Amino acid sequence: MYYLRLAPLALTCLAAPALAGDLNLKLVDAAGRPVADAVVTVRPAGGIPPGPIRFPWATTMVQQNIAFAPHVLVVPVGTTVRFPNKDKVRHHVYSFSKPAKFEIKLFGQDETRSYTFTSTGAVALGCNIHDQMSGFIKVVDTPFAIKSDAAGSAHLAGMATGTAQVTIWHPLLKTKDNEMVVNVPIPGSGAASKTVPLTLRSGR
């Protein structure tokens, strides 16, 4: 009888929603200027939730105007990225980065090639024909990932309350592997806000 009286209470506790909060970051350089194209990934206090990771943006790296667009692309591990060529000239995409060493040999206007990224990390892209072209694909294993916008802002929602490990990556960040880690307390409701200064190499 004692067990039966407690059962409804136990079920109520199990059904209670977990507390979740948001994170608002402002990323700036040493002069206080906003830093765009920084990738923010978060491991919440409760860990990474199970299930497939999907982002609302396209997993496409376009070659257009002799450049990669976007300059930085964030994709979940296991993603097949498309590389459409919108230029009138041919391109030869390659990477020597440890997470994905590959090359996509010459392909012309309106042709598309693809590559599947099976390891996490930062992948630097180049073109064997046009040395000035550079781009980056950041392959992640968390659904809590975002790229800072032109105002240096990055917003993530729905993370478990507690101290979250926040990793910031930027191709010009003057740190090991171009990334830094900060711990941010995530509230049970509302948002945690933090301004993070980044020390960048020249070349912005």
N, C-alpha and C. Protein backbone atom coordinates (compact mmCIF):
# COMPACT_ATOMS: atom_id res chain seq x y z
N MET A 1 0.82 -1.20 0.00
CA MET A 1 0.00 0.00 0.00
C MET A 1 0.86 1.26 0.00
N TYR A 2 1.95 1.20 0.76
CA TYR A 2 2.86 2.34 0.81
C TYR A 2 3.43 2.64 -0.57
N TYR A 3 3.80 1.58 -1.28
CA TYR A 3 4.34 1.75 -2.64
C TYR A 3 3.27 2.32 -3.58
N LEU A 4 2.05 1.83 -3.45
CA LEU A 4 0.98 2.28 -4.33
C LEU A 4 0.66 3.74 -4.10
N ARG A 5 0.76 4.20 -2.84
CA ARG A 5 0.48 5.61 -2.56
C ARG A 5 1.56 6.51 -3.16
N LEU A 6 2.80 6.02 -3.24
CA LEU A 6 3.89 6.83 -3.76
C LEU A 6 3.94 6.83 -5.29
N ALA A 7 3.36 5.82 -5.92
CA ALA A 7 3.50 5.68 -7.36
C ALA A 7 3.02 6.90 -8.14
N PRO A 8 1.83 7.49 -7.84
CA PRO A 8 1.40 8.66 -8.60
C PRO A 8 2.38 9.82 -8.47
N LEU A 9 2.95 10.01 -7.26
CA LEU A 9 3.90 11.09 -7.07
C LEU A 9 5.15 10.85 -7.91
N ALA A 10 5.61 9.60 -7.93
CA ALA A 10 6.79 9.28 -8.73
C ALA A 10 6.54 9.54 -10.20
N LEU A 11 5.34 9.17 -10.67
CA LEU A 11 5.02 9.40 -12.07
C LEU A 11 4.96 10.89 -12.38
N THR A 12 4.45 11.68 -11.43
CA THR A 12 4.39 13.13 -11.63
C THR A 12 5.78 13.71 -11.76
N CYS A 13 6.72 13.24 -10.91
CA CYS A 13 8.09 13.74 -10.97
C CYS A 13 8.75 13.38 -12.29
N LEU A 14 8.49 12.16 -12.76
CA LEU A 14 9.09 11.73 -14.01
C LEU A 14 8.57 12.54 -15.19
N ALA A 15 7.31 12.97 -15.10
CA ALA A 15 6.70 13.69 -16.21
C ALA A 15 7.05 15.17 -16.21
N ALA A 16 7.62 15.68 -15.11
CA ALA A 16 7.93 17.09 -15.02
C ALA A 16 8.98 17.47 -16.06
N PRO A 17 8.77 18.57 -16.78
CA PRO A 17 9.74 18.95 -17.79
C PRO A 17 11.05 19.42 -17.17
N ALA A 18 12.17 19.14 -17.85
CA ALA A 18 13.46 19.60 -17.37
C ALA A 18 13.58 21.10 -17.56
N LEU A 19 14.24 21.76 -16.60
CA LEU A 19 14.46 23.19 -16.73
C LEU A 19 15.42 23.46 -17.87
N ALA A 20 15.14 24.51 -18.62
CA ALA A 20 16.00 24.83 -19.76
C ALA A 20 16.12 26.34 -19.89
N GLY A 21 17.28 26.78 -20.32
CA GLY A 21 17.53 28.20 -20.51
C GLY A 21 18.23 28.46 -21.83
N ASP A 22 18.47 29.73 -22.10
CA ASP A 22 19.07 30.15 -23.36
C ASP A 22 20.45 30.76 -23.11
N LEU A 23 21.18 30.95 -24.18
CA LEU A 23 22.50 31.56 -24.12
C LEU A 23 22.62 32.63 -25.20
N ASN A 24 22.98 33.83 -24.77
CA ASN A 24 23.25 34.93 -25.70
C ASN A 24 24.71 35.34 -25.56
N LEU A 25 25.47 35.19 -26.62
CA LEU A 25 26.87 35.59 -26.61
C LEU A 25 27.08 36.78 -27.54
N LYS A 26 27.98 37.65 -27.12
CA LYS A 26 28.45 38.75 -27.97
C LYS A 26 29.96 38.57 -28.12
N LEU A 27 30.43 38.36 -29.34
CA LEU A 27 31.83 38.09 -29.59
C LEU A 27 32.48 39.33 -30.21
N VAL A 28 33.56 39.80 -29.58
CA VAL A 28 34.22 41.02 -30.04
C VAL A 28 35.72 40.79 -30.11
N ASP A 29 36.41 41.62 -30.92
CA ASP A 29 37.86 41.52 -30.99
C ASP A 29 38.49 42.45 -29.95
N ALA A 30 39.81 42.59 -29.99
CA ALA A 30 40.51 43.37 -28.98
C ALA A 30 40.11 44.84 -28.99
N ALA A 31 39.62 45.32 -30.14
CA ALA A 31 39.18 46.70 -30.25
C ALA A 31 37.69 46.87 -29.97
N GLY A 32 37.02 45.79 -29.59
CA GLY A 32 35.60 45.85 -29.29
C GLY A 32 34.70 45.74 -30.50
N ARG A 33 35.28 45.43 -31.65
CA ARG A 33 34.47 45.28 -32.86
C ARG A 33 33.85 43.88 -32.92
N PRO A 34 32.65 43.76 -33.48
CA PRO A 34 32.00 42.44 -33.54
C PRO A 34 32.78 41.47 -34.41
N VAL A 35 32.77 40.21 -34.01
CA VAL A 35 33.44 39.14 -34.76
C VAL A 35 32.38 38.23 -35.37
N ALA A 36 32.32 38.21 -36.68
CA ALA A 36 31.40 37.32 -37.39
C ALA A 36 32.08 36.00 -37.71
N ASP A 37 31.28 35.01 -38.05
CA ASP A 37 31.77 33.70 -38.50
C ASP A 37 32.55 32.93 -37.44
N ALA A 38 32.30 33.24 -36.17
CA ALA A 38 32.83 32.40 -35.09
C ALA A 38 31.82 31.31 -34.80
N VAL A 39 32.27 30.09 -34.65
CA VAL A 39 31.37 28.97 -34.40
C VAL A 39 31.32 28.70 -32.90
N VAL A 40 30.11 28.72 -32.36
CA VAL A 40 29.88 28.47 -30.93
C VAL A 40 29.22 27.11 -30.79
N THR A 41 29.84 26.23 -30.01
CA THR A 41 29.23 24.93 -29.70
C THR A 41 29.13 24.79 -28.19
N VAL A 42 28.07 24.13 -27.74
CA VAL A 42 27.80 24.03 -26.31
C VAL A 42 27.55 22.59 -25.91
N ARG A 43 28.18 22.20 -24.80
CA ARG A 43 27.86 20.93 -24.14
C ARG A 43 27.20 21.29 -22.81
N PRO A 44 25.87 21.14 -22.73
CA PRO A 44 25.16 21.53 -21.52
C PRO A 44 25.52 20.65 -20.33
N ALA A 45 25.11 21.09 -19.16
CA ALA A 45 25.39 20.34 -17.93
C ALA A 45 24.82 18.93 -18.00
N GLY A 46 23.69 18.76 -18.65
CA GLY A 46 23.05 17.45 -18.75
C GLY A 46 23.58 16.59 -19.87
N GLY A 47 24.58 17.07 -20.61
CA GLY A 47 25.12 16.31 -21.72
C GLY A 47 24.36 16.57 -23.02
N ILE A 48 24.79 15.90 -24.07
CA ILE A 48 24.17 16.05 -25.38
C ILE A 48 22.94 15.16 -25.46
N PRO A 49 21.77 15.72 -25.80
CA PRO A 49 20.57 14.88 -25.91
C PRO A 49 20.70 13.88 -27.05
N PRO A 50 20.12 12.70 -26.92
CA PRO A 50 20.20 11.70 -27.99
C PRO A 50 19.36 12.10 -29.20
N GLY A 51 19.63 11.45 -30.30
CA GLY A 51 18.84 11.69 -31.50
C GLY A 51 19.64 12.38 -32.58
N PRO A 52 19.09 12.40 -33.80
CA PRO A 52 19.79 13.02 -34.92
C PRO A 52 19.93 14.52 -34.74
N ILE A 53 20.98 15.08 -35.30
CA ILE A 53 21.23 16.52 -35.24
C ILE A 53 20.85 17.14 -36.58
N ARG A 54 20.01 18.15 -36.53
CA ARG A 54 19.61 18.85 -37.75
C ARG A 54 19.69 20.35 -37.50
N PHE A 55 20.19 21.08 -38.49
CA PHE A 55 20.24 22.53 -38.43
C PHE A 55 19.33 23.12 -39.51
N PRO A 56 18.83 24.34 -39.31
CA PRO A 56 17.88 24.91 -40.26
C PRO A 56 18.50 25.47 -41.53
N TRP A 57 19.83 25.51 -41.61
CA TRP A 57 20.46 26.07 -42.80
C TRP A 57 20.90 24.97 -43.77
N ALA A 58 21.16 25.37 -45.00
CA ALA A 58 21.55 24.41 -46.04
C ALA A 58 22.96 23.88 -45.80
N THR A 59 23.17 22.61 -46.12
CA THR A 59 24.50 22.01 -46.00
C THR A 59 25.17 22.05 -47.38
N THR A 60 25.36 23.27 -47.85
CA THR A 60 25.90 23.51 -49.19
C THR A 60 27.02 24.53 -49.12
N MET A 61 28.12 24.25 -49.79
CA MET A 61 29.23 25.19 -49.90
C MET A 61 29.40 25.54 -51.38
N VAL A 62 28.91 26.72 -51.74
CA VAL A 62 28.87 27.14 -53.14
C VAL A 62 30.21 27.77 -53.54
N GLN A 63 30.62 27.51 -54.78
CA GLN A 63 31.73 28.25 -55.36
C GLN A 63 31.14 29.29 -56.30
N GLN A 64 31.29 30.56 -55.91
CA GLN A 64 30.69 31.65 -56.67
C GLN A 64 31.54 32.90 -56.54
N ASN A 65 31.75 33.59 -57.65
CA ASN A 65 32.61 34.79 -57.67
C ASN A 65 34.01 34.47 -57.16
N ILE A 66 34.51 33.31 -57.50
CA ILE A 66 35.84 32.83 -57.11
C ILE A 66 35.99 32.88 -55.60
N ALA A 67 34.98 32.38 -54.91
CA ALA A 67 34.99 32.34 -53.44
C ALA A 67 34.08 31.22 -52.98
N PHE A 68 34.33 30.75 -51.75
CA PHE A 68 33.42 29.80 -51.11
C PHE A 68 32.34 30.57 -50.37
N ALA A 69 31.10 30.14 -50.53
CA ALA A 69 29.99 30.78 -49.83
C ALA A 69 29.05 29.71 -49.26
N PRO A 70 28.84 29.78 -47.92
CA PRO A 70 29.38 30.77 -46.98
C PRO A 70 30.87 30.54 -46.71
N HIS A 71 31.50 31.55 -46.12
CA HIS A 71 32.92 31.41 -45.80
C HIS A 71 33.13 30.33 -44.73
N VAL A 72 32.19 30.26 -43.78
CA VAL A 72 32.21 29.24 -42.73
C VAL A 72 30.86 28.54 -42.71
N LEU A 73 30.88 27.21 -42.74
CA LEU A 73 29.67 26.40 -42.71
C LEU A 73 29.74 25.44 -41.53
N VAL A 74 28.65 25.34 -40.78
CA VAL A 74 28.56 24.42 -39.64
C VAL A 74 27.65 23.26 -40.02
N VAL A 75 28.14 22.02 -39.85
CA VAL A 75 27.34 20.84 -40.20
C VAL A 75 27.48 19.78 -39.12
N PRO A 76 26.46 18.94 -38.93
CA PRO A 76 26.60 17.80 -38.02
C PRO A 76 27.51 16.73 -38.61
N VAL A 77 28.18 16.00 -37.75
CA VAL A 77 29.03 14.90 -38.21
C VAL A 77 28.16 13.89 -38.98
N GLY A 78 28.70 13.37 -40.06
CA GLY A 78 27.95 12.45 -40.92
C GLY A 78 27.23 13.13 -42.07
N THR A 79 27.34 14.45 -42.16
CA THR A 79 26.64 15.20 -43.20
C THR A 79 27.35 15.10 -44.54
N THR A 80 26.57 14.95 -45.59
CA THR A 80 27.09 15.05 -46.95
C THR A 80 26.89 16.49 -47.44
N VAL A 81 27.98 17.17 -47.68
CA VAL A 81 27.93 18.57 -48.12
C VAL A 81 28.02 18.62 -49.64
N ARG A 82 27.18 19.44 -50.24
CA ARG A 82 27.18 19.64 -51.68
C ARG A 82 28.08 20.82 -52.03
N PHE A 83 28.79 20.71 -53.15
CA PHE A 83 29.70 21.75 -53.62
C PHE A 83 29.31 22.15 -55.05
N PRO A 84 28.28 22.98 -55.22
CA PRO A 84 27.90 23.42 -56.56
C PRO A 84 28.84 24.54 -57.06
N ASN A 85 29.17 24.47 -58.33
CA ASN A 85 30.01 25.49 -58.95
C ASN A 85 29.13 26.44 -59.76
N LYS A 86 29.05 27.69 -59.31
CA LYS A 86 28.26 28.70 -60.00
C LYS A 86 29.12 29.64 -60.84
N ASP A 87 30.41 29.37 -60.88
CA ASP A 87 31.32 30.20 -61.67
C ASP A 87 31.43 29.68 -63.10
N LYS A 88 31.92 30.54 -63.98
CA LYS A 88 32.15 30.14 -65.37
C LYS A 88 33.45 29.36 -65.53
N VAL A 89 34.26 29.37 -64.49
CA VAL A 89 35.54 28.66 -64.52
C VAL A 89 35.44 27.38 -63.72
N ARG A 90 36.39 26.48 -63.92
CA ARG A 90 36.39 25.23 -63.18
C ARG A 90 37.08 25.40 -61.83
N HIS A 91 36.70 24.54 -60.89
CA HIS A 91 37.31 24.54 -59.56
C HIS A 91 37.81 23.14 -59.22
N HIS A 92 38.76 23.10 -58.28
CA HIS A 92 39.34 21.85 -57.80
C HIS A 92 39.45 21.99 -56.28
N VAL A 93 38.43 21.54 -55.58
CA VAL A 93 38.33 21.72 -54.13
C VAL A 93 39.17 20.66 -53.41
N TYR A 94 39.85 21.09 -52.33
CA TYR A 94 40.66 20.13 -51.57
C TYR A 94 40.74 20.56 -50.11
N SER A 95 41.16 19.64 -49.27
CA SER A 95 41.47 19.93 -47.87
C SER A 95 42.57 19.00 -47.40
N PHE A 96 43.51 19.56 -46.62
CA PHE A 96 44.55 18.77 -45.98
C PHE A 96 44.29 18.63 -44.48
N SER A 97 43.13 19.07 -44.01
CA SER A 97 42.82 19.06 -42.58
C SER A 97 42.65 17.63 -42.07
N LYS A 98 43.05 17.40 -40.83
CA LYS A 98 43.01 16.06 -40.25
C LYS A 98 41.61 15.44 -40.25
N PRO A 99 40.53 16.18 -39.93
CA PRO A 99 39.21 15.55 -39.92
C PRO A 99 38.72 15.09 -41.30
N ALA A 100 39.26 15.69 -42.36
CA ALA A 100 38.79 15.32 -43.71
C ALA A 100 39.83 15.71 -44.74
N LYS A 101 40.68 14.77 -45.12
CA LYS A 101 41.64 14.99 -46.20
C LYS A 101 41.03 14.46 -47.49
N PHE A 102 40.75 15.36 -48.41
CA PHE A 102 40.07 14.94 -49.64
C PHE A 102 40.35 15.93 -50.75
N GLU A 103 39.98 15.55 -51.95
CA GLU A 103 40.00 16.48 -53.07
C GLU A 103 38.86 16.14 -54.02
N ILE A 104 38.30 17.18 -54.59
CA ILE A 104 37.26 17.05 -55.61
C ILE A 104 37.85 17.66 -56.87
N LYS A 105 38.21 16.82 -57.80
CA LYS A 105 38.95 17.29 -58.97
C LYS A 105 38.06 18.12 -59.89
N LEU A 106 38.69 18.68 -60.90
CA LEU A 106 38.09 19.70 -61.75
C LEU A 106 36.62 19.45 -62.10
N PHE A 107 35.79 20.45 -61.79
CA PHE A 107 34.39 20.41 -62.22
C PHE A 107 33.96 21.82 -62.59
N GLY A 108 33.06 21.90 -63.58
CA GLY A 108 32.76 23.18 -64.20
C GLY A 108 31.46 23.82 -63.77
N GLN A 109 31.08 24.86 -64.49
CA GLN A 109 29.90 25.64 -64.17
C GLN A 109 28.64 24.77 -64.14
N ASP A 110 27.83 24.99 -63.10
CA ASP A 110 26.55 24.29 -62.89
C ASP A 110 26.72 22.80 -62.62
N GLU A 111 27.94 22.37 -62.36
CA GLU A 111 28.17 21.00 -61.90
C GLU A 111 28.27 21.00 -60.37
N THR A 112 27.86 19.89 -59.77
CA THR A 112 27.87 19.77 -58.31
C THR A 112 28.58 18.48 -57.91
N ARG A 113 29.43 18.60 -56.92
CA ARG A 113 30.08 17.44 -56.33
C ARG A 113 29.71 17.40 -54.85
N SER A 114 30.00 16.30 -54.18
CA SER A 114 29.64 16.19 -52.76
C SER A 114 30.70 15.39 -52.01
N TYR A 115 30.70 15.59 -50.68
CA TYR A 115 31.63 14.85 -49.82
C TYR A 115 30.97 14.69 -48.45
N THR A 116 31.16 13.50 -47.84
CA THR A 116 30.57 13.21 -46.53
C THR A 116 31.63 13.36 -45.45
N PHE A 117 31.30 14.15 -44.43
CA PHE A 117 32.22 14.46 -43.34
C PHE A 117 31.91 13.56 -42.14
N THR A 118 32.81 12.63 -41.86
CA THR A 118 32.56 11.59 -40.86
C THR A 118 33.30 11.81 -39.54
N SER A 119 34.10 12.86 -39.45
CA SER A 119 34.83 13.16 -38.21
C SER A 119 34.61 14.61 -37.82
N THR A 120 34.56 14.88 -36.52
CA THR A 120 34.37 16.24 -36.05
C THR A 120 35.66 17.04 -36.17
N GLY A 121 35.50 18.35 -36.22
CA GLY A 121 36.65 19.24 -36.27
C GLY A 121 36.49 20.31 -37.33
N ALA A 122 37.54 21.12 -37.48
CA ALA A 122 37.54 22.20 -38.46
C ALA A 122 38.24 21.74 -39.73
N VAL A 123 37.59 21.95 -40.85
CA VAL A 123 38.12 21.54 -42.15
C VAL A 123 38.36 22.80 -42.99
N ALA A 124 39.62 23.06 -43.31
CA ALA A 124 39.97 24.21 -44.15
C ALA A 124 39.93 23.80 -45.61
N LEU A 125 39.25 24.61 -46.42
CA LEU A 125 39.08 24.33 -47.84
C LEU A 125 39.94 25.25 -48.69
N GLY A 126 40.38 24.74 -49.82
CA GLY A 126 41.09 25.55 -50.80
C GLY A 126 40.72 25.10 -52.19
N CYS A 127 41.25 25.83 -53.17
CA CYS A 127 41.05 25.47 -54.58
C CYS A 127 42.41 25.41 -55.25
N ASN A 128 42.70 24.30 -55.90
CA ASN A 128 43.99 24.13 -56.56
C ASN A 128 44.17 25.05 -57.75
N ILE A 129 43.09 25.62 -58.25
CA ILE A 129 43.16 26.51 -59.40
C ILE A 129 43.26 27.97 -58.96
N HIS A 130 42.58 28.31 -57.87
CA HIS A 130 42.51 29.70 -57.41
C HIS A 130 43.01 29.77 -55.96
N ASP A 131 44.26 30.18 -55.80
CA ASP A 131 44.88 30.17 -54.47
C ASP A 131 44.21 31.12 -53.50
N GLN A 132 43.52 32.14 -54.00
CA GLN A 132 42.91 33.12 -53.11
C GLN A 132 41.65 32.59 -52.43
N MET A 133 41.14 31.46 -52.89
CA MET A 133 39.91 30.92 -52.31
C MET A 133 40.19 30.18 -51.00
N SER A 134 39.41 30.50 -49.99
CA SER A 134 39.49 29.76 -48.73
C SER A 134 38.12 29.71 -48.08
N GLY A 135 37.85 28.60 -47.44
CA GLY A 135 36.59 28.43 -46.72
C GLY A 135 36.79 27.41 -45.63
N PHE A 136 35.80 27.28 -44.76
CA PHE A 136 35.92 26.39 -43.61
C PHE A 136 34.60 25.68 -43.36
N ILE A 137 34.70 24.40 -43.04
CA ILE A 137 33.54 23.63 -42.60
C ILE A 137 33.83 23.13 -41.20
N LYS A 138 32.97 23.51 -40.25
CA LYS A 138 33.12 23.07 -38.87
C LYS A 138 32.14 21.93 -38.65
N VAL A 139 32.67 20.74 -38.40
CA VAL A 139 31.85 19.54 -38.23
C VAL A 139 31.68 19.30 -36.73
N VAL A 140 30.43 19.22 -36.28
CA VAL A 140 30.14 19.19 -34.84
C VAL A 140 29.30 17.97 -34.48
N ASP A 141 29.31 17.64 -33.18
CA ASP A 141 28.52 16.51 -32.69
C ASP A 141 27.52 16.94 -31.62
N THR A 142 27.10 18.20 -31.67
CA THR A 142 26.11 18.71 -30.74
C THR A 142 25.05 19.50 -31.49
N PRO A 143 23.78 19.41 -31.07
CA PRO A 143 22.75 20.22 -31.71
C PRO A 143 22.83 21.68 -31.31
N PHE A 144 23.61 21.96 -30.25
CA PHE A 144 23.75 23.34 -29.77
C PHE A 144 24.97 23.96 -30.43
N ALA A 145 24.79 24.42 -31.65
CA ALA A 145 25.87 25.02 -32.42
C ALA A 145 25.30 26.13 -33.28
N ILE A 146 26.07 27.20 -33.40
CA ILE A 146 25.61 28.36 -34.17
C ILE A 146 26.83 29.16 -34.61
N LYS A 147 26.66 29.93 -35.65
CA LYS A 147 27.72 30.81 -36.15
C LYS A 147 27.35 32.25 -35.81
N SER A 148 28.30 33.03 -35.32
CA SER A 148 28.01 34.42 -34.99
C SER A 148 27.69 35.21 -36.25
N ASP A 149 26.77 36.16 -36.11
CA ASP A 149 26.35 36.96 -37.26
C ASP A 149 27.25 38.20 -37.41
N ALA A 150 26.87 39.09 -38.30
CA ALA A 150 27.69 40.27 -38.58
C ALA A 150 27.83 41.18 -37.36
N ALA A 151 26.88 41.10 -36.44
CA ALA A 151 26.94 41.89 -35.21
C ALA A 151 27.71 41.18 -34.10
N GLY A 152 28.27 39.99 -34.40
CA GLY A 152 29.00 39.24 -33.40
C GLY A 152 28.11 38.50 -32.42
N SER A 153 26.84 38.40 -32.73
CA SER A 153 25.87 37.78 -31.81
C SER A 153 25.67 36.30 -32.13
N ALA A 154 25.51 35.51 -31.08
CA ALA A 154 25.22 34.08 -31.22
C ALA A 154 24.20 33.71 -30.15
N HIS A 155 23.09 33.11 -30.57
CA HIS A 155 22.01 32.76 -29.65
C HIS A 155 21.69 31.28 -29.77
N LEU A 156 21.62 30.60 -28.63
CA LEU A 156 21.23 29.19 -28.58
C LEU A 156 20.17 29.03 -27.50
N ALA A 157 19.20 28.15 -27.74
CA ALA A 157 18.07 28.02 -26.84
C ALA A 157 17.87 26.57 -26.39
N GLY A 158 17.19 26.43 -25.24
CA GLY A 158 16.72 25.12 -24.80
C GLY A 158 17.76 24.22 -24.19
N MET A 159 18.74 24.79 -23.48
CA MET A 159 19.77 23.96 -22.86
C MET A 159 19.46 23.70 -21.40
N ALA A 160 19.89 22.54 -20.90
CA ALA A 160 19.65 22.17 -19.51
C ALA A 160 20.33 23.16 -18.58
N THR A 161 19.68 23.43 -17.45
CA THR A 161 20.25 24.34 -16.47
C THR A 161 21.52 23.76 -15.87
N GLY A 162 22.42 24.65 -15.48
CA GLY A 162 23.71 24.23 -14.94
C GLY A 162 24.84 24.84 -15.73
N THR A 163 26.06 24.51 -15.36
CA THR A 163 27.23 25.08 -16.03
C THR A 163 27.48 24.38 -17.36
N ALA A 164 27.46 25.14 -18.42
CA ALA A 164 27.67 24.61 -19.77
C ALA A 164 29.10 24.90 -20.22
N GLN A 165 29.65 23.96 -20.97
CA GLN A 165 30.97 24.16 -21.57
C GLN A 165 30.77 24.74 -22.97
N VAL A 166 31.22 25.97 -23.15
CA VAL A 166 31.02 26.68 -24.41
C VAL A 166 32.36 26.78 -25.14
N THR A 167 32.42 26.24 -26.34
CA THR A 167 33.63 26.29 -27.16
C THR A 167 33.41 27.27 -28.30
N ILE A 168 34.37 28.16 -28.47
CA ILE A 168 34.31 29.17 -29.54
C ILE A 168 35.47 28.91 -30.50
N TRP A 169 35.15 28.78 -31.77
CA TRP A 169 36.17 28.55 -32.81
C TRP A 169 36.09 29.66 -33.85
N HIS A 170 37.25 30.11 -34.29
CA HIS A 170 37.31 31.08 -35.39
C HIS A 170 38.62 30.84 -36.12
N PRO A 171 38.63 30.92 -37.46
CA PRO A 171 39.86 30.59 -38.19
C PRO A 171 41.05 31.48 -37.86
N LEU A 172 40.81 32.67 -37.29
CA LEU A 172 41.91 33.58 -36.96
C LEU A 172 42.16 33.68 -35.46
N LEU A 173 41.51 32.86 -34.68
CA LEU A 173 41.70 32.93 -33.23
C LEU A 173 43.11 32.49 -32.85
N LYS A 174 43.78 33.31 -32.04
CA LYS A 174 45.19 33.04 -31.68
C LYS A 174 45.26 32.11 -30.47
N THR A 175 44.79 30.91 -30.65
CA THR A 175 44.84 29.89 -29.61
C THR A 175 45.12 28.55 -30.28
N LYS A 176 45.41 27.54 -29.47
CA LYS A 176 45.62 26.20 -30.01
C LYS A 176 44.36 25.72 -30.72
N ASP A 177 44.53 25.25 -31.92
CA ASP A 177 43.42 24.75 -32.74
C ASP A 177 42.37 25.82 -33.04
N ASN A 178 42.75 27.09 -32.88
CA ASN A 178 41.84 28.21 -33.19
C ASN A 178 40.55 28.19 -32.36
N GLU A 179 40.62 27.67 -31.14
CA GLU A 179 39.42 27.64 -30.31
C GLU A 179 39.73 27.93 -28.86
N MET A 180 38.70 28.35 -28.13
CA MET A 180 38.81 28.61 -26.71
C MET A 180 37.55 28.09 -26.02
N VAL A 181 37.67 27.80 -24.74
CA VAL A 181 36.55 27.25 -23.97
C VAL A 181 36.26 28.16 -22.79
N VAL A 182 34.98 28.47 -22.60
CA VAL A 182 34.53 29.21 -21.43
C VAL A 182 33.37 28.45 -20.80
N ASN A 183 33.24 28.55 -19.49
CA ASN A 183 32.12 27.93 -18.79
C ASN A 183 31.08 29.00 -18.47
N VAL A 184 29.84 28.72 -18.81
CA VAL A 184 28.76 29.69 -18.62
C VAL A 184 27.61 29.02 -17.87
N PRO A 185 27.17 29.57 -16.73
CA PRO A 185 26.00 29.02 -16.03
C PRO A 185 24.72 29.30 -16.83
N ILE A 186 23.98 28.26 -17.14
CA ILE A 186 22.71 28.40 -17.85
C ILE A 186 21.58 28.40 -16.83
N PRO A 187 20.73 29.43 -16.83
CA PRO A 187 19.65 29.50 -15.84
C PRO A 187 18.53 28.52 -16.15
N GLY A 188 17.67 28.29 -15.14
CA GLY A 188 16.53 27.40 -15.34
C GLY A 188 15.49 27.99 -16.26
N SER A 189 15.47 29.31 -16.39
CA SER A 189 14.60 29.99 -17.34
C SER A 189 15.26 31.30 -17.72
N GLY A 190 14.83 31.88 -18.82
CA GLY A 190 15.47 33.10 -19.28
C GLY A 190 16.77 32.78 -20.00
N ALA A 191 17.66 33.76 -20.04
CA ALA A 191 18.89 33.61 -20.81
C ALA A 191 20.11 34.08 -20.04
N ALA A 192 21.22 33.40 -20.27
CA ALA A 192 22.52 33.86 -19.79
C ALA A 192 23.14 34.70 -20.91
N SER A 193 23.66 35.86 -20.56
CA SER A 193 24.27 36.75 -21.54
C SER A 193 25.73 36.99 -21.17
N LYS A 194 26.59 36.96 -22.17
CA LYS A 194 28.02 37.13 -21.91
C LYS A 194 28.70 37.71 -23.13
N THR A 195 29.59 38.68 -22.89
CA THR A 195 30.45 39.21 -23.94
C THR A 195 31.81 38.55 -23.83
N VAL A 196 32.29 38.00 -24.93
CA VAL A 196 33.57 37.27 -24.92
C VAL A 196 34.54 37.96 -25.87
N PRO A 197 35.66 38.50 -25.36
CA PRO A 197 36.67 39.08 -26.25
C PRO A 197 37.54 38.00 -26.87
N LEU A 198 37.82 38.14 -28.15
CA LEU A 198 38.64 37.19 -28.88
C LEU A 198 39.91 37.88 -29.39
N THR A 199 41.03 37.23 -29.23
CA THR A 199 42.29 37.74 -29.77
C THR A 199 42.54 37.08 -31.12
N LEU A 200 42.49 37.88 -32.18
CA LEU A 200 42.58 37.36 -33.53
C LEU A 200 43.90 37.73 -34.20
N ARG A 201 44.35 36.86 -35.07
CA ARG A 201 45.49 37.19 -35.93
C ARG A 201 45.04 38.18 -37.00
N SER A 202 45.98 38.88 -37.60
CA SER A 202 45.64 39.78 -38.70
C SER A 202 45.15 38.96 -39.89
N GLY A 203 44.32 39.59 -40.70
CA GLY A 203 43.79 38.89 -41.86
C GLY A 203 42.29 38.90 -41.90
N ARG A 204 41.65 39.67 -41.00
CA ARG A 204 40.19 39.74 -40.99
C ARG A 204 39.69 40.38 -42.26
